[in-house]
């Protein structure tokens, strides 16, 4: 989701996955996969930058969730077997 500003200065949050294409005519016109058209004050480059920033945050969060805890990395480096799920330590 990205925060944008309509031409009348009203803020909106847009699901960037629904963007089909962006045009500058000179207003920035965003066409969604639903057929809806949204005109915003931001340039096409600013919209794209916000999409990239949003997706980086999403993928970084996923990476953090799937990383091993530091103690598991340390024990693996020392050659110890990882603890069994449910085993008491």
N, C-alpha and C. Protein backbone atom coordinates (compact mmCIF):
# COMPACT_ATOMS: atom_id res chain seq x y z
N UNK A 1 0.85 -1.17 0.00
CA UNK A 1 0.00 0.00 0.00
C UNK A 1 0.89 1.23 0.00
N UNK A 2 0.53 2.18 -0.84
CA UNK A 2 1.31 3.42 -0.91
C UNK A 2 0.39 4.61 -0.69
N UNK A 3 0.92 5.63 -0.03
CA UNK A 3 0.15 6.85 0.22
C UNK A 3 0.41 7.85 -0.90
N UNK A 4 -0.69 8.35 -1.49
CA UNK A 4 -0.62 9.31 -2.58
C UNK A 4 -1.58 10.47 -2.28
N UNK A 5 -1.55 11.49 -3.14
CA UNK A 5 -2.41 12.66 -2.96
C UNK A 5 -3.20 12.91 -4.23
N UNK A 6 -4.51 12.95 -4.11
CA UNK A 6 -5.35 13.28 -5.26
C UNK A 6 -5.11 14.73 -5.67
N UNK A 7 -5.57 15.10 -6.85
CA UNK A 7 -5.39 16.46 -7.35
C UNK A 7 -6.03 17.51 -6.44
N UNK A 8 -7.08 17.12 -5.69
CA UNK A 8 -7.76 18.06 -4.78
C UNK A 8 -7.13 18.06 -3.38
N UNK A 9 -5.91 17.51 -3.27
CA UNK A 9 -5.12 17.49 -2.03
C UNK A 9 -5.63 16.49 -0.98
N UNK A 10 -6.55 15.62 -1.34
CA UNK A 10 -7.03 14.59 -0.42
C UNK A 10 -6.10 13.39 -0.51
N UNK A 11 -5.66 12.93 0.65
CA UNK A 11 -4.74 11.80 0.73
C UNK A 11 -5.50 10.49 0.48
N UNK A 12 -4.82 9.54 -0.14
CA UNK A 12 -5.39 8.20 -0.32
C UNK A 12 -4.28 7.18 -0.18
N UNK A 13 -4.67 5.96 0.17
CA UNK A 13 -3.73 4.85 0.24
C UNK A 13 -4.17 3.85 -0.82
N UNK A 14 -3.24 3.52 -1.71
CA UNK A 14 -3.56 2.71 -2.88
C UNK A 14 -2.85 1.37 -2.82
N UNK A 15 -3.57 0.32 -3.16
CA UNK A 15 -2.97 -1.00 -3.27
C UNK A 15 -2.15 -1.03 -4.57
N UNK A 16 -0.83 -0.98 -4.42
CA UNK A 16 0.04 -0.88 -5.60
C UNK A 16 0.01 -2.13 -6.48
N UNK A 17 -0.49 -3.25 -5.94
CA UNK A 17 -0.60 -4.46 -6.76
C UNK A 17 -1.67 -4.33 -7.84
N UNK A 18 -2.56 -3.36 -7.68
CA UNK A 18 -3.64 -3.18 -8.65
C UNK A 18 -3.29 -2.23 -9.79
N UNK A 19 -2.08 -1.66 -9.76
CA UNK A 19 -1.71 -0.70 -10.80
C UNK A 19 -1.39 -1.43 -12.10
N UNK A 20 -2.10 -1.03 -13.15
CA UNK A 20 -1.84 -1.59 -14.48
C UNK A 20 -0.81 -0.74 -15.21
N UNK A 21 -1.02 0.58 -15.22
CA UNK A 21 -0.03 1.47 -15.82
C UNK A 21 -0.20 2.89 -15.29
N UNK A 22 0.86 3.69 -15.51
CA UNK A 22 0.89 5.08 -15.04
C UNK A 22 1.25 5.96 -16.23
N UNK A 23 0.50 7.06 -16.39
CA UNK A 23 0.78 8.02 -17.47
C UNK A 23 0.93 9.42 -16.87
N UNK A 24 1.72 10.26 -17.53
CA UNK A 24 1.80 11.67 -17.18
C UNK A 24 1.27 12.46 -18.37
N UNK A 25 0.15 13.20 -18.15
CA UNK A 25 -0.54 13.82 -19.30
C UNK A 25 -1.03 15.24 -19.08
N UNK A 26 -0.52 16.23 -18.47
CA UNK A 26 0.63 16.30 -17.57
C UNK A 26 0.33 15.80 -16.17
N UNK A 27 -0.98 15.66 -15.80
CA UNK A 27 -1.28 15.05 -14.50
C UNK A 27 -0.84 13.59 -14.53
N UNK A 28 -0.57 13.06 -13.35
CA UNK A 28 -0.23 11.64 -13.28
C UNK A 28 -1.53 10.86 -13.19
N UNK A 29 -1.74 9.98 -14.15
CA UNK A 29 -2.97 9.19 -14.23
C UNK A 29 -2.60 7.73 -14.02
N UNK A 30 -3.19 7.13 -12.98
CA UNK A 30 -2.93 5.72 -12.65
C UNK A 30 -4.16 4.92 -13.05
N UNK A 31 -3.96 3.94 -13.90
CA UNK A 31 -5.06 3.04 -14.28
C UNK A 31 -4.87 1.74 -13.53
N UNK A 32 -5.93 1.31 -12.86
CA UNK A 32 -5.89 0.08 -12.08
C UNK A 32 -6.41 -1.09 -12.89
N UNK A 33 -6.10 -2.28 -12.46
CA UNK A 33 -6.56 -3.49 -13.16
C UNK A 33 -8.08 -3.61 -13.12
N UNK A 34 -8.72 -2.89 -12.20
CA UNK A 34 -10.18 -2.89 -12.10
C UNK A 34 -10.82 -1.96 -13.12
N UNK A 35 -9.99 -1.16 -13.82
CA UNK A 35 -10.50 -0.18 -14.77
C UNK A 35 -10.65 1.21 -14.16
N UNK A 36 -10.56 1.29 -12.83
CA UNK A 36 -10.66 2.59 -12.16
C UNK A 36 -9.45 3.45 -12.51
N UNK A 37 -9.68 4.75 -12.65
CA UNK A 37 -8.60 5.70 -12.94
C UNK A 37 -8.44 6.62 -11.75
N UNK A 38 -7.19 6.82 -11.32
CA UNK A 38 -6.89 7.70 -10.20
C UNK A 38 -5.90 8.75 -10.69
N UNK A 39 -6.22 10.02 -10.47
CA UNK A 39 -5.30 11.11 -10.83
C UNK A 39 -4.66 11.62 -9.55
N UNK A 40 -3.33 11.73 -9.56
CA UNK A 40 -2.60 12.12 -8.34
C UNK A 40 -1.62 13.25 -8.62
N UNK A 41 -1.20 13.92 -7.55
CA UNK A 41 -0.27 15.04 -7.65
C UNK A 41 1.17 14.57 -7.85
N UNK A 42 1.51 13.38 -7.37
CA UNK A 42 2.87 12.87 -7.48
C UNK A 42 3.20 12.56 -8.93
N UNK A 43 4.49 12.65 -9.27
CA UNK A 43 4.93 12.28 -10.61
C UNK A 43 4.96 10.76 -10.74
N UNK A 44 5.05 10.27 -11.95
CA UNK A 44 5.16 8.82 -12.16
C UNK A 44 6.40 8.27 -11.46
N UNK A 45 7.51 9.02 -11.53
CA UNK A 45 8.74 8.56 -10.86
C UNK A 45 8.56 8.47 -9.35
N UNK A 46 7.82 9.41 -8.76
CA UNK A 46 7.58 9.37 -7.32
C UNK A 46 6.70 8.18 -6.95
N UNK A 47 5.69 7.90 -7.78
CA UNK A 47 4.82 6.75 -7.53
C UNK A 47 5.63 5.46 -7.59
N UNK A 48 6.45 5.33 -8.62
CA UNK A 48 7.28 4.13 -8.76
C UNK A 48 8.23 3.99 -7.56
N UNK A 49 8.83 5.09 -7.13
CA UNK A 49 9.74 5.04 -5.98
C UNK A 49 9.01 4.59 -4.72
N UNK A 50 7.79 5.03 -4.53
CA UNK A 50 7.02 4.61 -3.36
C UNK A 50 6.66 3.13 -3.43
N UNK A 51 6.37 2.65 -4.63
CA UNK A 51 6.08 1.21 -4.80
C UNK A 51 7.33 0.40 -4.46
N UNK A 52 8.47 0.82 -4.97
CA UNK A 52 9.73 0.11 -4.71
C UNK A 52 10.03 0.12 -3.21
N UNK A 53 9.88 1.27 -2.55
CA UNK A 53 10.12 1.35 -1.11
C UNK A 53 9.19 0.42 -0.34
N UNK A 54 7.91 0.41 -0.71
CA UNK A 54 6.94 -0.45 -0.04
C UNK A 54 7.31 -1.92 -0.20
N UNK A 55 7.65 -2.32 -1.41
CA UNK A 55 7.97 -3.73 -1.63
C UNK A 55 9.27 -4.13 -0.94
N UNK A 56 10.23 -3.22 -0.87
CA UNK A 56 11.46 -3.52 -0.12
C UNK A 56 11.14 -3.78 1.34
N UNK A 57 10.25 -2.95 1.92
CA UNK A 57 9.87 -3.15 3.33
C UNK A 57 9.18 -4.49 3.51
N UNK A 58 8.29 -4.84 2.58
CA UNK A 58 7.57 -6.11 2.68
C UNK A 58 8.55 -7.28 2.59
N UNK A 59 9.43 -7.27 1.60
CA UNK A 59 10.35 -8.39 1.43
C UNK A 59 11.37 -8.44 2.55
N UNK A 60 11.79 -7.31 3.08
CA UNK A 60 12.73 -7.28 4.20
C UNK A 60 12.08 -7.90 5.44
N UNK A 61 10.80 -7.59 5.67
CA UNK A 61 10.08 -8.17 6.80
C UNK A 61 10.01 -9.68 6.64
N UNK A 62 9.74 -10.16 5.43
CA UNK A 62 9.70 -11.61 5.19
C UNK A 62 11.06 -12.25 5.46
N UNK A 63 12.14 -11.59 5.02
CA UNK A 63 13.48 -12.12 5.27
C UNK A 63 13.75 -12.23 6.76
N UNK A 64 13.34 -11.22 7.52
CA UNK A 64 13.57 -11.24 8.96
C UNK A 64 12.79 -12.37 9.63
N UNK A 65 11.59 -12.64 9.13
CA UNK A 65 10.79 -13.73 9.70
C UNK A 65 11.39 -15.10 9.44
N UNK A 66 12.04 -15.27 8.30
CA UNK A 66 12.54 -16.59 7.93
C UNK A 66 13.99 -16.82 8.34
N UNK A 67 14.66 -15.79 8.85
CA UNK A 67 16.05 -15.97 9.29
C UNK A 67 16.10 -16.84 10.54
N UNK A 68 17.20 -17.60 10.68
CA UNK A 68 17.41 -18.40 11.87
C UNK A 68 17.76 -17.49 13.03
N UNK A 69 17.35 -17.84 14.25
CA UNK A 69 17.77 -17.05 15.40
C UNK A 69 19.29 -17.12 15.57
N UNK A 70 19.92 -16.09 16.15
CA UNK A 70 21.38 -16.08 16.29
C UNK A 70 21.94 -17.30 17.01
N UNK A 71 21.23 -17.81 18.03
CA UNK A 71 21.75 -18.99 18.75
C UNK A 71 21.77 -20.24 17.88
N UNK A 72 20.84 -20.35 16.92
CA UNK A 72 20.84 -21.49 16.01
C UNK A 72 22.02 -21.39 15.05
N UNK A 73 22.33 -20.16 14.59
CA UNK A 73 23.48 -19.97 13.71
C UNK A 73 24.77 -20.31 14.44
N UNK A 74 24.87 -19.89 15.70
CA UNK A 74 26.09 -20.13 16.48
C UNK A 74 26.29 -21.62 16.72
N UNK A 75 25.23 -22.35 17.06
CA UNK A 75 25.38 -23.78 17.32
C UNK A 75 25.68 -24.54 16.03
N UNK A 76 25.12 -24.09 14.92
CA UNK A 76 25.41 -24.74 13.64
C UNK A 76 26.86 -24.50 13.26
N UNK A 77 27.37 -23.31 13.52
CA UNK A 77 28.77 -23.00 13.22
C UNK A 77 29.71 -23.82 14.08
N UNK A 78 29.28 -24.15 15.31
CA UNK A 78 30.10 -24.93 16.23
C UNK A 78 29.98 -26.43 15.96
N UNK A 79 29.10 -26.80 15.05
CA UNK A 79 28.94 -28.21 14.70
C UNK A 79 27.91 -28.93 15.53
N UNK A 80 27.20 -28.23 16.38
CA UNK A 80 26.19 -28.86 17.21
C UNK A 80 24.91 -29.05 16.41
N UNK A 81 24.19 -30.09 16.73
CA UNK A 81 22.92 -30.34 16.07
C UNK A 81 21.90 -29.33 16.58
N UNK A 82 21.03 -28.84 15.72
CA UNK A 82 20.01 -27.91 16.19
C UNK A 82 19.06 -28.61 17.15
N UNK A 83 18.50 -27.89 18.11
CA UNK A 83 17.59 -28.52 19.07
C UNK A 83 16.34 -29.04 18.35
N UNK A 84 15.82 -30.17 18.84
CA UNK A 84 14.60 -30.73 18.28
C UNK A 84 13.41 -29.90 18.74
N UNK A 85 12.43 -29.74 17.87
CA UNK A 85 11.23 -29.01 18.30
C UNK A 85 10.60 -29.71 19.49
N UNK A 86 10.24 -28.95 20.50
CA UNK A 86 9.61 -29.51 21.68
C UNK A 86 10.58 -30.10 22.70
N UNK A 87 11.88 -30.15 22.36
CA UNK A 87 12.86 -30.70 23.31
C UNK A 87 13.14 -29.66 24.39
N UNK A 88 13.31 -30.13 25.59
CA UNK A 88 13.64 -29.23 26.69
C UNK A 88 15.11 -28.98 26.70
N UNK A 89 15.48 -27.72 26.93
CA UNK A 89 16.89 -27.36 26.86
C UNK A 89 17.41 -27.00 28.16
